[in-house]
């Protein structure tokens, strides 16, 4: 059951990341975050109302609030990185956030084996190669790598927090709803503040109504992935669930290759591959 949930998580997160990255190339990243998460709020609100999930309210919802505050920062940084750099590099580096929930599991009593320690070293090597110096041509910008690592830490924190926000299925619906309401509130305030400073909130042609279905898909896929990950973490060890769920960059990279015909330099591909291997090694330990 855990394997089924984490496979669903990887597929959903991977497609959401691909969709968000493509949309951000045409629409400001903060607008993509706010609109996509607003669609998720509407759908989750209907689910909460129909299932009576309000009865599951508890102090654990503060974990969902915290996840909702961290999430927009992570998504904004990630979408900007996807817009600046190749998805095949950015997405695997984003998976390094798995270190956060794995670290939480270790603090709670799980002990690292040789494979987990090796995974950390391999992942760091992947970061250096994927964003490091190139002998020829332009390297991936340092800003892109920095944004990706900020996003990775944020995603990992969200994984750790949302896993603690509920213990039942209806409670999970409520926790995800609270998380997304917080997402939209924080993101909306940030968007308002950026517009006040003169930033552009919409593309020149106005609100991208034609992209609304894609924005909705991104928001719903992201929230569904949070849900399946939470279920996986409840049914198995957090360290294993977190590491296996981090396979989502494979989906993003394949989608970028198939739909955008992205090609990577050999050293970038090697670094991205090492980053993925670094996230997989703990599952064998």
Protein backbone atom coordinates (compact mmCIF):
# COMPACT_ATOMS: atom_id res chain seq x y z
CA UNK A 1 0.00 0.00 0.00
CA UNK A 2 2.84 2.40 0.83
CA UNK A 3 4.47 1.74 -2.54
CA UNK A 4 1.18 2.47 -4.35
CA UNK A 5 0.73 5.76 -2.53
CA UNK A 6 4.30 6.95 -3.15
CA UNK A 7 4.13 6.02 -6.83
CA UNK A 8 0.97 8.10 -7.11
CA UNK A 9 2.75 10.91 -5.25
CA UNK A 10 5.68 10.86 -7.66
CA UNK A 11 3.43 10.91 -10.72
CA UNK A 12 1.25 13.75 -9.39
CA UNK A 13 4.14 15.92 -8.17
CA UNK A 14 6.08 15.32 -11.35
CA UNK A 15 3.23 16.41 -13.61
CA UNK A 16 2.37 19.36 -11.35
CA UNK A 17 5.98 20.55 -11.46
CA UNK A 18 6.08 20.24 -15.24
CA UNK A 19 2.80 22.13 -15.64
CA UNK A 20 3.85 24.82 -13.18
CA UNK A 21 7.18 25.29 -14.90
CA UNK A 22 5.57 25.69 -18.33
CA UNK A 23 2.91 28.08 -17.05
CA UNK A 24 5.51 30.23 -15.27
CA UNK A 25 7.27 30.88 -18.55
CA UNK A 26 4.19 32.83 -19.66
CA UNK A 27 2.64 34.06 -16.39
CA UNK A 28 4.37 35.46 -13.25
CA UNK A 29 5.24 32.66 -10.83
CA UNK A 30 3.38 34.17 -7.87
CA UNK A 31 0.20 34.45 -9.94
CA UNK A 32 0.52 30.80 -10.97
CA UNK A 33 0.87 29.79 -7.32
CA UNK A 34 -2.11 31.84 -6.10
CA UNK A 35 -4.50 30.90 -8.90
CA UNK A 36 -3.63 27.20 -8.94
CA UNK A 37 -3.94 26.93 -5.16
CA UNK A 38 -7.25 28.86 -5.21
CA UNK A 39 -8.73 26.16 -7.44
CA UNK A 40 -7.55 23.56 -4.93
CA UNK A 41 -9.17 25.51 -2.07
CA UNK A 42 -12.56 25.48 -3.80
CA UNK A 43 -12.44 21.74 -4.46
CA UNK A 44 -11.16 20.87 -0.99
CA UNK A 45 -13.75 23.16 0.61
CA UNK A 46 -16.51 21.19 -1.11
CA UNK A 47 -14.98 17.90 0.07
CA UNK A 48 -14.64 19.13 3.65
CA UNK A 49 -18.24 20.35 3.69
CA UNK A 50 -19.63 17.12 2.22
CA UNK A 51 -17.65 14.77 4.51
CA UNK A 52 -18.11 16.71 7.74
CA UNK A 53 -14.34 16.87 8.17
CA UNK A 54 -14.66 19.91 10.46
CA UNK A 55 -15.34 17.45 13.29
CA UNK A 56 -11.70 16.33 12.99
CA UNK A 57 -10.33 19.75 14.00
CA UNK A 58 -7.47 19.46 16.50
CA UNK A 59 -4.26 21.21 17.52
CA UNK A 60 -2.51 19.13 14.85
CA UNK A 61 -3.91 21.57 12.29
CA UNK A 62 -1.16 24.00 13.28
CA UNK A 63 1.18 21.69 11.34
CA UNK A 64 -1.03 22.30 8.30
CA UNK A 65 -0.87 26.06 8.88
CA UNK A 66 2.92 25.89 9.03
CA UNK A 67 2.99 23.82 5.85
CA UNK A 68 0.74 26.41 4.24
CA UNK A 69 3.16 29.21 5.08
CA UNK A 70 6.24 27.35 3.84
CA UNK A 71 4.59 25.96 0.71
CA UNK A 72 4.14 29.19 -1.29
CA UNK A 73 7.77 30.18 -0.70
CA UNK A 74 8.94 26.78 -1.93
CA UNK A 75 6.62 26.74 -4.95
CA UNK A 76 7.53 30.30 -5.94
CA UNK A 77 11.25 29.56 -5.75
CA UNK A 78 10.79 26.30 -7.66
CA UNK A 79 8.66 27.77 -10.44
CA UNK A 80 11.14 30.61 -10.89
CA UNK A 81 13.97 28.09 -11.08
CA UNK A 82 12.04 26.05 -13.65
CA UNK A 83 11.50 29.18 -15.71
CA UNK A 84 15.21 30.08 -15.57
CA UNK A 85 16.84 26.69 -16.05
CA UNK A 86 16.33 23.31 -17.70
CA UNK A 87 13.69 21.17 -16.01
CA UNK A 88 15.88 18.11 -16.29
CA UNK A 89 18.37 19.72 -13.88
CA UNK A 90 16.09 21.80 -11.65
CA UNK A 91 13.59 19.06 -10.86
CA UNK A 92 16.12 16.44 -9.68
CA UNK A 93 17.87 19.02 -7.50
CA UNK A 94 14.49 19.89 -6.01
CA UNK A 95 14.17 16.32 -4.79
CA UNK A 96 17.00 16.93 -2.32
CA UNK A 97 14.35 18.27 0.05
CA UNK A 98 13.79 14.64 1.00
CA UNK A 99 16.59 15.17 3.52
CA UNK A 100 14.15 17.11 5.75
CA UNK A 101 11.52 14.40 6.38
CA UNK A 102 14.25 11.76 6.48
CA UNK A 103 16.04 13.85 9.11
CA UNK A 104 12.82 14.13 11.12
CA UNK A 105 12.46 10.37 11.01
CA UNK A 106 16.00 9.98 12.27
CA UNK A 107 15.37 12.41 15.13
CA UNK A 108 12.29 10.40 16.07
CA UNK A 109 14.36 7.24 16.47
CA UNK A 110 15.30 5.82 13.09
CA UNK A 111 19.03 5.34 12.62
CA UNK A 112 20.92 5.94 9.36
CA UNK A 113 22.56 2.97 7.70
CA UNK A 114 25.54 3.03 5.36
CA UNK A 115 23.24 3.50 2.35
CA UNK A 116 21.65 6.61 3.87
CA UNK A 117 25.03 8.20 4.58
CA UNK A 118 26.21 7.32 1.09
CA UNK A 119 23.06 8.89 -0.31
CA UNK A 120 23.88 12.23 1.29
CA UNK A 121 27.38 12.28 -0.22
CA UNK A 122 26.15 11.25 -3.66
CA UNK A 123 23.39 13.88 -3.59
CA UNK A 124 25.86 16.65 -2.71
CA UNK A 125 28.08 15.55 -5.58
CA UNK A 126 25.05 15.74 -7.86
CA UNK A 127 24.36 19.32 -6.79
CA UNK A 128 27.93 20.36 -7.57
CA UNK A 129 27.95 18.74 -11.00
CA UNK A 130 24.47 19.86 -12.04
CA UNK A 131 25.09 23.51 -11.23
CA UNK A 132 28.86 23.72 -11.26
CA UNK A 133 31.35 25.10 -13.76
CA UNK A 134 31.31 24.07 -17.40
CA UNK A 135 34.37 23.96 -19.62
CA UNK A 136 32.31 25.20 -22.57
CA UNK A 137 29.02 27.01 -22.85
CA UNK A 138 27.01 28.70 -20.14
CA UNK A 139 26.52 26.79 -16.88
CA UNK A 140 23.23 26.61 -15.06
CA UNK A 141 22.94 29.98 -13.33
CA UNK A 142 23.88 30.08 -9.66
CA UNK A 143 20.61 31.88 -8.99
CA UNK A 144 18.75 28.93 -10.50
CA UNK A 145 20.59 26.47 -8.27
CA UNK A 146 20.04 28.65 -5.17
CA UNK A 147 16.32 28.97 -5.88
CA UNK A 148 16.07 25.23 -6.39
CA UNK A 149 17.76 24.45 -3.08
CA UNK A 150 15.47 26.90 -1.25
CA UNK A 151 12.52 25.16 -2.87
CA UNK A 152 13.91 21.74 -1.96
CA UNK A 153 14.19 22.64 1.72
CA UNK A 154 10.65 24.07 1.65
CA UNK A 155 9.20 21.00 -0.05
CA UNK A 156 10.90 18.76 2.48
CA UNK A 157 9.54 20.83 5.35
CA UNK A 158 6.02 20.61 3.88
CA UNK A 159 6.35 16.82 3.61
CA UNK A 160 7.38 16.57 7.25
CA UNK A 161 4.67 18.95 8.48
CA UNK A 162 1.73 17.58 6.51
CA UNK A 163 2.54 14.05 7.67
CA UNK A 164 1.95 15.25 11.24
CA UNK A 165 -1.22 17.21 10.51
CA UNK A 166 -3.75 14.35 10.62
CA UNK A 167 -4.27 10.71 11.54
CA UNK A 168 -7.50 9.94 9.65
CA UNK A 169 -8.70 10.30 6.06
CA UNK A 170 -11.31 12.98 6.83
CA UNK A 171 -8.77 14.71 9.04
CA UNK A 172 -6.41 14.70 6.08
CA UNK A 173 -9.02 16.47 3.93
CA UNK A 174 -9.35 19.16 6.59
CA UNK A 175 -5.58 19.48 7.01
CA UNK A 176 -5.08 19.87 3.27
CA UNK A 177 -7.88 22.46 3.14
CA UNK A 178 -6.31 24.48 5.97
CA UNK A 179 -2.91 24.20 4.29
CA UNK A 180 -4.25 25.51 0.98
CA UNK A 181 -6.24 28.34 2.55
CA UNK A 182 -3.03 29.42 4.26
CA UNK A 183 -1.19 29.04 0.93
CA UNK A 184 -3.63 31.32 -0.86
CA UNK A 185 -3.71 33.88 1.96
CA UNK A 186 0.08 34.13 2.20
CA UNK A 187 0.53 34.04 -1.55
CA UNK A 188 -2.21 36.59 -2.12
CA UNK A 189 -0.65 39.03 0.34
CA UNK A 190 2.73 38.56 -1.31
CA UNK A 191 1.19 39.16 -4.74
CA UNK A 192 -0.56 42.31 -3.53
CA UNK A 193 2.69 43.59 -2.01
CA UNK A 194 4.65 42.88 -5.19
CA UNK A 195 2.08 44.72 -7.32
CA UNK A 196 2.27 47.69 -4.94
CA UNK A 197 6.03 47.74 -5.58
CA UNK A 198 5.43 47.87 -9.31
CA UNK A 199 5.74 44.21 -10.24
CA UNK A 200 3.56 42.75 -12.98
CA UNK A 201 0.91 40.24 -11.88
CA UNK A 202 -0.44 39.28 -15.31
CA UNK A 203 1.02 38.75 -18.78
CA UNK A 204 0.55 41.59 -21.33
CA UNK A 205 -2.56 39.97 -22.79
CA UNK A 206 -4.33 39.92 -19.41
CA UNK A 207 -5.57 37.06 -17.25
CA UNK A 208 -4.74 33.74 -18.94
CA UNK A 209 -8.26 32.35 -19.10
CA UNK A 210 -7.21 29.78 -21.68
CA UNK A 211 -4.68 28.42 -19.18
CA UNK A 212 -7.20 28.12 -16.33
CA UNK A 213 -7.70 24.34 -16.79
CA UNK A 214 -3.93 23.86 -16.68
CA UNK A 215 -3.67 26.05 -13.58
CA UNK A 216 -6.42 24.01 -11.96
CA UNK A 217 -4.64 20.79 -12.81
CA UNK A 218 -1.40 22.04 -11.25
CA UNK A 219 -3.15 23.00 -8.01
CA UNK A 220 -5.19 19.81 -7.73
CA UNK A 221 -2.29 17.52 -8.65
CA UNK A 222 -0.10 19.19 -6.04
CA UNK A 223 -2.66 18.86 -3.27
CA UNK A 224 -3.45 15.27 -4.25
CA UNK A 225 0.26 14.45 -4.08
CA UNK A 226 0.41 15.91 -0.56
CA UNK A 227 -2.52 13.69 0.35
CA UNK A 228 -1.08 10.47 -1.07
CA UNK A 229 2.27 11.19 0.56
CA UNK A 230 0.60 11.71 3.93
CA UNK A 231 -1.21 8.39 3.57
CA UNK A 232 2.05 6.68 2.60
CA UNK A 233 3.81 8.14 5.66
CA UNK A 234 0.98 6.85 7.88
CA UNK A 235 1.20 3.32 6.47
CA UNK A 236 4.98 2.90 6.49
CA UNK A 237 8.31 4.32 7.70
CA UNK A 238 8.61 8.03 6.99
CA UNK A 239 12.16 7.66 5.70
CA UNK A 240 11.17 5.10 3.07
CA UNK A 241 8.00 6.97 2.05
CA UNK A 242 9.87 10.27 1.71
CA UNK A 243 12.70 8.83 -0.35
CA UNK A 244 10.46 6.89 -2.73
CA UNK A 245 8.12 9.85 -3.14
CA UNK A 246 11.12 11.88 -4.32
CA UNK A 247 11.10 9.97 -7.61
CA UNK A 248 8.84 12.70 -9.02
CA UNK A 249 11.70 14.50 -10.85
CA UNK A 250 11.90 11.51 -13.19
CA UNK A 251 8.35 12.27 -14.30
CA UNK A 252 9.13 15.99 -14.75
CA UNK A 253 12.32 15.29 -16.69
CA UNK A 254 10.58 12.78 -18.98
CA UNK A 255 7.73 15.23 -19.59
CA UNK A 256 10.21 18.02 -20.40
CA UNK A 257 12.05 15.74 -22.79
CA UNK A 258 8.87 14.53 -24.45
CA UNK A 259 6.98 17.83 -24.70
CA UNK A 260 9.78 20.41 -24.78
CA UNK A 261 12.57 18.35 -26.37
CA UNK A 262 15.01 19.46 -23.68
CA UNK A 263 18.56 18.23 -24.02
CA UNK A 264 21.15 18.27 -21.25
CA UNK A 265 24.94 18.50 -21.40
CA UNK A 266 26.67 15.34 -20.24
CA UNK A 267 27.90 16.82 -16.96
CA UNK A 268 24.45 18.24 -16.17
CA UNK A 269 22.79 14.91 -16.87
CA UNK A 270 25.37 13.16 -14.71
CA UNK A 271 24.77 15.59 -11.85
CA UNK A 272 21.00 15.25 -12.09
CA UNK A 273 21.35 11.48 -12.14
CA UNK A 274 23.57 11.49 -9.07
CA UNK A 275 21.05 13.68 -7.23
CA UNK A 276 18.37 11.10 -7.96
CA UNK A 277 20.62 8.23 -6.90
CA UNK A 278 21.36 10.10 -3.70
CA UNK A 279 17.64 10.16 -2.88
CA UNK A 280 17.16 6.49 -3.73
CA UNK A 281 20.05 5.01 -1.75
CA UNK A 282 18.39 5.47 1.69
CA UNK A 283 15.53 3.22 0.61
CA UNK A 284 17.97 0.33 0.34
CA UNK A 285 19.45 0.87 3.77
